[in-house]
């Protein structure tokens, strides 16, 4: 029986400042550090120990997994990382205050982009310092893979590609897998696993630092979903 634990990273510094984060590589806030540690304690108390961990390339995801595993005394296991698990790219909204953006574009457009399925924010322009190709960690990736802006649908496409290529094989083997990632990449996974519609996923909110467990049979049919309580 395969088990998938999804864990949204703890609160980031930009989360605390009410800024759109996206691919900005911002670390955890003090609250986020505590949330990550508490997630590890929850898993430990529940007796749920992963066989392998997956994270994005962003430090808030990486550090959440590291802190949780340290609390569990479970730091020896393999950890694989991929940019395909990164947060949704918020384009020209990235690093901007959410309330200021809402006042500029209006609540209807703001919600259509932020919570909708296939409407992306305005893209980054040529020469913008926030473009992913200006970050050394992406220098080996083709520029055609690097977004200037993404909708949830765009995020879902790259996340599910990685999920089926790299994560599902472990679940089929009956392994317990921990994915430490982001609100939108995890929403994309949950949408697929739970068979949610575009309308249903709009209402899906994944809280920071709260592990959720999916269990599958040997055909990858979902058995159940539970919030883990230590």
Protein backbone atom coordinates (compact mmCIF):
# COMPACT_ATOMS: atom_id res chain seq x y z
CA UNK A 1 0.00 0.00 0.00
CA UNK A 2 1.61 3.26 -1.13
CA UNK A 3 1.42 6.29 1.14
CA UNK A 4 1.92 9.88 0.04
CA UNK A 5 2.48 12.63 2.59
CA UNK A 6 2.10 16.15 1.23
CA UNK A 7 3.53 18.97 3.30
CA UNK A 8 3.28 22.62 2.37
CA UNK A 9 6.36 24.48 3.55
CA UNK A 10 6.13 26.52 6.73
CA UNK A 11 5.33 30.20 6.57
CA UNK A 12 7.93 32.10 4.52
CA UNK A 13 9.23 35.60 5.12
CA UNK A 14 7.20 36.83 2.14
CA UNK A 15 4.08 35.04 3.43
CA UNK A 16 4.46 36.98 6.66
CA UNK A 17 4.86 40.23 4.69
CA UNK A 18 1.79 39.53 2.48
CA UNK A 19 3.89 39.44 -0.70
CA UNK A 20 3.48 37.19 -3.73
CA UNK A 21 6.41 34.76 -3.53
CA UNK A 22 6.27 32.40 -6.50
CA UNK A 23 9.76 31.42 -7.64
CA UNK A 24 11.44 34.00 -5.38
CA UNK A 25 13.81 31.91 -3.28
CA UNK A 26 12.76 33.20 0.13
CA UNK A 27 13.45 31.35 3.37
CA UNK A 28 11.16 30.42 6.23
CA UNK A 29 10.07 32.95 8.83
CA UNK A 30 10.55 32.15 12.51
CA UNK A 31 6.96 30.93 12.56
CA UNK A 32 7.68 28.81 9.47
CA UNK A 33 10.65 27.16 11.16
CA UNK A 34 8.43 26.19 14.08
CA UNK A 35 5.72 24.90 11.73
CA UNK A 36 8.26 22.68 9.96
CA UNK A 37 9.53 21.28 13.25
CA UNK A 38 5.98 20.65 14.44
CA UNK A 39 5.22 18.79 11.21
CA UNK A 40 8.13 16.46 11.98
CA UNK A 41 6.86 15.88 15.50
CA UNK A 42 3.37 15.14 14.16
CA UNK A 43 4.75 12.50 11.78
CA UNK A 44 6.94 11.02 14.52
CA UNK A 45 4.07 10.74 16.99
CA UNK A 46 1.88 9.17 14.32
CA UNK A 47 4.61 6.65 13.52
CA UNK A 48 4.70 7.64 9.85
CA UNK A 49 8.26 7.56 8.54
CA UNK A 50 8.90 8.22 4.83
CA UNK A 51 11.13 6.03 2.70
CA UNK A 52 12.06 8.91 0.41
CA UNK A 53 11.49 12.68 0.20
CA UNK A 54 10.89 15.02 -2.72
CA UNK A 55 11.25 18.81 -2.58
CA UNK A 56 11.29 21.71 -5.01
CA UNK A 57 14.43 23.74 -5.73
CA UNK A 58 13.29 26.53 -3.41
CA UNK A 59 14.86 26.80 0.04
CA UNK A 60 11.60 27.14 1.96
CA UNK A 61 10.58 23.72 0.66
CA UNK A 62 14.04 22.23 1.22
CA UNK A 63 14.42 23.61 4.73
CA UNK A 64 10.94 22.49 5.75
CA UNK A 65 11.81 18.90 4.84
CA UNK A 66 15.19 19.13 6.58
CA UNK A 67 13.72 20.52 9.79
CA UNK A 68 10.90 17.96 9.84
CA UNK A 69 13.27 15.04 9.27
CA UNK A 70 15.62 16.30 11.98
CA UNK A 71 12.77 16.37 14.49
CA UNK A 72 11.96 12.79 13.49
CA UNK A 73 15.55 11.62 13.79
CA UNK A 74 15.14 10.43 10.21
CA UNK A 75 17.76 12.38 8.25
CA UNK A 76 19.44 9.39 6.58
CA UNK A 77 16.90 8.84 3.82
CA UNK A 78 17.30 9.96 0.21
CA UNK A 79 15.95 13.35 -0.86
CA UNK A 80 15.30 14.20 -4.51
CA UNK A 81 14.66 17.74 -5.73
CA UNK A 82 13.05 19.15 -8.86
CA UNK A 83 12.15 22.59 -10.19
CA UNK A 84 8.93 20.97 -11.42
CA UNK A 85 7.71 21.00 -7.81
CA UNK A 86 8.35 24.76 -7.50
CA UNK A 87 5.57 27.13 -6.56
CA UNK A 88 3.49 28.67 -9.31
CA UNK A 89 5.34 31.54 -10.99
CA UNK A 90 3.46 34.75 -10.26
CA UNK A 91 5.03 36.75 -13.09
CA UNK A 92 4.91 40.52 -12.69
CA UNK A 93 3.08 40.11 -9.37
CA UNK A 94 6.07 38.37 -7.81
CA UNK A 95 7.52 40.22 -4.77
CA UNK A 96 4.55 42.63 -4.80
CA UNK A 97 2.12 43.28 -1.95
CA UNK A 98 -1.12 41.37 -2.45
CA UNK A 99 -3.38 44.15 -1.20
CA UNK A 100 -1.72 46.69 -3.51
CA UNK A 101 -2.16 44.39 -6.49
CA UNK A 102 -5.83 43.83 -5.63
CA UNK A 103 -6.46 47.58 -5.45
CA UNK A 104 -4.87 48.03 -8.89
CA UNK A 105 -6.64 45.25 -10.81
CA UNK A 106 -9.91 44.96 -8.87
CA UNK A 107 -11.17 42.08 -6.77
CA UNK A 108 -12.77 40.15 -9.65
CA UNK A 109 -9.58 40.00 -11.72
CA UNK A 110 -7.47 39.43 -8.61
CA UNK A 111 -9.50 36.38 -7.60
CA UNK A 112 -9.67 35.06 -11.18
CA UNK A 113 -5.89 35.03 -11.31
CA UNK A 114 -5.03 34.09 -7.75
CA UNK A 115 -7.66 31.41 -7.16
CA UNK A 116 -8.74 30.54 -10.70
CA UNK A 117 -7.50 27.64 -12.81
CA UNK A 118 -6.29 28.89 -16.17
CA UNK A 119 -5.74 32.67 -15.87
CA UNK A 120 -2.07 33.64 -15.35
CA UNK A 121 -0.77 36.90 -13.89
CA UNK A 122 0.89 39.40 -16.26
CA UNK A 123 4.21 37.92 -17.49
CA UNK A 124 7.66 39.27 -16.73
CA UNK A 125 9.19 41.43 -19.47
CA UNK A 126 12.56 41.00 -21.16
CA UNK A 127 15.37 42.16 -18.91
CA UNK A 128 13.40 41.85 -15.69
CA UNK A 129 15.70 40.82 -12.85
CA UNK A 130 13.00 38.41 -11.59
CA UNK A 131 13.26 36.19 -14.69
CA UNK A 132 14.30 32.63 -13.68
CA UNK A 133 17.20 32.63 -16.16
CA UNK A 134 18.85 35.28 -13.97
CA UNK A 135 19.05 32.72 -11.15
CA UNK A 136 22.16 30.55 -11.40
CA UNK A 137 20.34 27.44 -10.17
CA UNK A 138 18.40 27.27 -13.47
CA UNK A 139 21.36 27.79 -15.82
CA UNK A 140 21.33 24.17 -17.06
CA UNK A 141 17.65 24.27 -18.00
CA UNK A 142 16.43 25.22 -21.45
CA UNK A 143 15.00 28.77 -21.48
CA UNK A 144 11.88 27.28 -23.07
CA UNK A 145 11.13 25.49 -19.78
CA UNK A 146 11.42 28.59 -17.61
CA UNK A 147 8.13 30.44 -17.09
CA UNK A 148 7.53 34.18 -17.09
CA UNK A 149 4.14 33.64 -15.49
CA UNK A 150 1.93 30.63 -14.75
CA UNK A 151 -1.69 29.74 -14.15
CA UNK A 152 -2.58 26.82 -11.91
CA UNK A 153 -3.12 24.82 -15.12
CA UNK A 154 0.48 25.54 -16.17
CA UNK A 155 1.77 24.56 -12.73
CA UNK A 156 -0.30 21.39 -12.84
CA UNK A 157 1.19 20.32 -16.17
CA UNK A 158 4.81 20.42 -15.00
CA UNK A 159 4.03 19.05 -11.52
CA UNK A 160 2.06 16.06 -12.80
CA UNK A 161 4.75 15.24 -15.33
CA UNK A 162 7.20 14.83 -12.45
CA UNK A 163 4.66 13.08 -10.24
CA UNK A 164 4.00 10.30 -12.74
CA UNK A 165 7.62 10.00 -13.87
CA UNK A 166 9.37 10.02 -10.48
CA UNK A 167 6.98 9.77 -7.53
CA UNK A 168 4.31 7.28 -8.59
CA UNK A 169 6.81 4.42 -9.16
CA UNK A 170 7.71 4.53 -5.44
CA UNK A 171 4.03 4.51 -4.48
CA UNK A 172 3.40 1.49 -6.70
CA UNK A 173 6.20 -0.29 -4.82
CA UNK A 174 4.32 0.38 -1.58
CA UNK A 175 6.73 3.03 -0.32
CA UNK A 176 5.89 5.96 1.93
CA UNK A 177 6.75 9.20 0.13
CA UNK A 178 6.98 12.71 1.57
CA UNK A 179 6.59 15.67 -0.80
CA UNK A 180 7.58 18.99 0.75
CA UNK A 181 6.44 21.64 -1.69
CA UNK A 182 4.17 24.66 -2.16
CA UNK A 183 0.56 25.73 -2.03
CA UNK A 184 -0.07 25.58 -5.77
CA UNK A 185 2.12 22.64 -6.76
CA UNK A 186 0.42 20.65 -3.99
CA UNK A 187 -3.02 21.92 -5.04
CA UNK A 188 -2.21 20.57 -8.50
CA UNK A 189 -1.31 17.17 -7.03
CA UNK A 190 -4.41 17.09 -4.84
CA UNK A 191 -6.58 18.02 -7.80
CA UNK A 192 -5.27 15.03 -9.74
CA UNK A 193 -5.32 12.54 -6.87
CA UNK A 194 -8.80 13.48 -5.64
CA UNK A 195 -10.29 14.03 -9.10
CA UNK A 196 -11.32 17.60 -8.30
CA UNK A 197 -12.94 19.79 -10.93
CA UNK A 198 -11.69 23.26 -11.86
CA UNK A 199 -14.46 24.71 -9.75
CA UNK A 200 -13.67 22.50 -6.76
CA UNK A 201 -9.93 23.19 -6.75
CA UNK A 202 -10.61 26.93 -6.44
CA UNK A 203 -11.88 26.24 -2.92
CA UNK A 204 -8.97 23.98 -1.95
CA UNK A 205 -6.62 25.55 0.58
CA UNK A 206 -3.55 23.71 1.84
CA UNK A 207 -2.31 25.12 5.17
CA UNK A 208 1.38 25.60 5.89
CA UNK A 209 3.14 22.98 7.98
CA UNK A 210 0.23 20.54 8.23
CA UNK A 211 1.00 17.09 6.77
CA UNK A 212 -1.76 15.30 4.87
CA UNK A 213 -1.69 11.57 4.12
CA UNK A 214 -3.02 9.84 0.99
CA UNK A 215 -3.16 6.03 0.88
CA UNK A 216 -3.39 4.05 -2.37
CA UNK A 217 -3.97 0.41 -3.27
CA UNK A 218 -1.56 -1.41 -5.59
CA UNK A 219 -3.34 -0.02 -8.67
CA UNK A 220 -2.89 3.57 -7.43
CA UNK A 221 -6.57 3.88 -6.60
CA UNK A 222 -7.05 6.33 -3.74
CA UNK A 223 -8.17 4.60 -0.54
CA UNK A 224 -8.42 7.61 1.75
CA UNK A 225 -7.12 11.04 2.68
CA UNK A 226 -6.47 12.06 6.27
CA UNK A 227 -5.00 15.00 8.09
CA UNK A 228 -2.22 13.56 10.27
CA UNK A 229 -2.46 14.22 13.98
CA UNK A 230 0.41 13.27 16.25
